[in-house]
Amino acid sequence: MPDPGPDELSAEDAKLVTLARATRARVGAAEGAAVRDLDGRTYAAATVDLRSLQLSAVQSCVAMAVASGARGLEACVVLGAASSLVEPDHRALTDLAGTGVVVHFADERGTVVMSVTT
């Protein structure tokens, strides 16, 4: 379901873009992501690609939020080449937060190119 476009990004969602971009750049990962929980706390992560553990950036963020006691999510930013949620990322978001999470997709420069709602 389409959501507000990139021109209508809130300050809180713009912060998620900044966090995802910085995290991705810091580790040189394929993808960065950031989420905001229902209490306003933010979690940012990059793709994890170890021999023993592979997680997308979104899955890493959701795991961090769950481990910190988050009861749900308000928003998510995925930064990289993705233009849609892959099924494992969609499941992770909806397992924690149900439907209604705004997901913004941004390119490597941090420009939001599309927004959807789970």
Protein backbone atom coordinates (compact mmCIF):
# COMPACT_ATOMS: atom_id res chain seq x y z
CA MET A 1 0.00 0.00 0.00
CA PRO A 2 1.58 3.34 -1.02
CA ASP A 3 2.35 5.79 1.74
CA PRO A 4 3.43 9.41 1.89
CA GLY A 5 6.07 10.11 -0.70
CA PRO A 6 9.68 11.12 -0.15
CA ASP A 7 8.80 14.84 -0.20
CA GLU A 8 6.61 14.33 2.88
CA LEU A 9 9.21 12.62 5.08
CA SER A 10 8.83 13.54 8.76
CA ALA A 11 11.82 14.71 10.78
CA GLU A 12 11.74 11.41 12.69
CA ASP A 13 11.82 9.38 9.48
CA ALA A 14 14.59 11.59 8.06
CA LYS A 15 16.61 10.68 11.16
CA LEU A 16 16.13 6.99 10.29
CA VAL A 17 17.52 7.66 6.81
CA THR A 18 20.58 9.33 8.34
CA LEU A 19 21.13 6.45 10.78
CA ALA A 20 20.76 3.77 8.09
CA ARG A 21 23.10 5.61 5.74
CA ALA A 22 25.78 6.13 8.39
CA THR A 23 25.60 2.52 9.56
CA ARG A 24 25.87 1.15 6.02
CA ALA A 25 28.80 3.43 5.20
CA ARG A 26 30.64 2.67 8.45
CA VAL A 27 30.85 -1.05 7.76
CA GLY A 28 30.73 -0.99 3.96
CA ALA A 29 27.69 -3.26 3.90
CA ALA A 30 25.38 -3.95 0.99
CA GLU A 31 22.42 -2.61 2.92
CA GLY A 32 21.65 -0.44 5.93
CA ALA A 33 18.39 -0.13 7.82
CA ALA A 34 16.92 1.69 10.77
CA VAL A 35 13.67 1.29 12.69
CA ARG A 36 11.81 3.32 15.29
CA ASP A 37 9.84 1.55 18.00
CA LEU A 38 6.60 2.66 19.64
CA ASP A 39 8.53 4.48 22.38
CA GLY A 40 10.56 6.49 19.84
CA ARG A 41 13.78 4.53 20.33
CA THR A 42 15.79 3.93 17.17
CA TYR A 43 17.87 0.96 16.07
CA ALA A 44 20.21 0.95 13.08
CA ALA A 45 22.07 -1.99 11.57
CA ALA A 46 23.77 -3.24 8.45
CA THR A 47 23.71 -6.54 6.64
CA VAL A 48 25.41 -9.35 8.60
CA ASP A 49 27.19 -11.82 6.33
CA LEU A 50 29.23 -14.30 8.35
CA ARG A 51 29.77 -17.96 7.55
CA SER A 52 27.71 -18.86 10.60
CA LEU A 53 25.11 -16.07 10.48
CA GLN A 54 23.37 -14.17 7.69
CA LEU A 55 20.89 -11.41 8.48
CA SER A 56 19.54 -8.61 6.37
CA ALA A 57 19.83 -5.12 7.77
CA VAL A 58 16.08 -5.13 8.51
CA GLN A 59 16.30 -8.45 10.35
CA SER A 60 19.23 -7.11 12.38
CA CYS A 61 17.24 -4.02 13.37
CA VAL A 62 14.20 -6.07 14.35
CA ALA A 63 16.38 -8.40 16.43
CA MET A 64 17.92 -5.41 18.23
CA ALA A 65 14.48 -3.92 18.90
CA VAL A 66 13.12 -7.20 20.25
CA ALA A 67 16.20 -7.72 22.43
CA SER A 68 15.65 -4.23 23.85
CA GLY A 69 12.03 -4.92 24.75
CA ALA A 70 10.25 -3.13 21.90
CA ARG A 71 6.55 -3.96 21.67
CA GLY A 72 6.12 -2.71 18.12
CA LEU A 73 7.49 -0.48 15.38
CA GLU A 74 6.33 2.76 13.80
CA ALA A 75 8.69 3.06 10.83
CA CYS A 76 11.53 1.44 8.95
CA VAL A 77 14.08 2.68 6.42
CA VAL A 78 15.88 0.31 4.05
CA LEU A 79 18.90 1.87 2.36
CA GLY A 80 20.56 0.22 -0.61
CA ALA A 81 19.45 -1.34 -3.87
CA ALA A 82 16.17 -2.82 -2.59
CA SER A 83 12.91 -1.39 -3.90
CA SER A 84 10.64 -3.82 -2.09
CA LEU A 85 10.67 -5.91 1.06
CA VAL A 86 11.89 -9.44 0.63
CA GLU A 87 9.65 -11.96 2.34
CA PRO A 88 11.93 -12.64 5.36
CA ASP A 89 12.13 -8.89 6.09
CA HIS A 90 8.38 -8.48 5.72
CA ARG A 91 7.79 -11.39 8.10
CA ALA A 92 10.23 -9.97 10.67
CA LEU A 93 8.53 -6.57 10.62
CA THR A 94 5.01 -7.96 10.83
CA ASP A 95 5.94 -10.53 13.50
CA LEU A 96 6.96 -7.68 15.79
CA ALA A 97 4.67 -4.89 14.67
CA GLY A 98 1.79 -6.31 12.67
CA THR A 99 0.54 -4.24 9.77
CA GLY A 100 0.78 -0.50 9.37
CA VAL A 101 4.54 0.00 9.59
CA VAL A 102 5.74 2.67 7.16
CA VAL A 103 8.75 1.42 5.19
CA HIS A 104 10.85 3.92 3.23
CA PHE A 105 13.30 2.72 0.58
CA ALA A 106 16.31 4.95 -0.03
CA ASP A 107 19.22 4.78 -2.43
CA GLU A 108 22.86 4.81 -1.36
CA ARG A 109 22.88 8.63 -1.16
CA GLY A 110 19.94 8.55 1.27
CA THR A 111 17.34 9.78 -1.20
CA VAL A 112 13.99 8.15 -0.45
CA VAL A 113 12.64 6.72 -3.69
CA MET A 114 9.54 4.92 -2.47
CA SER A 115 7.45 4.42 0.65
CA VAL A 116 5.00 1.62 1.46
CA THR A 117 3.10 0.35 4.47
CA THR A 118 3.19 -3.25 5.67
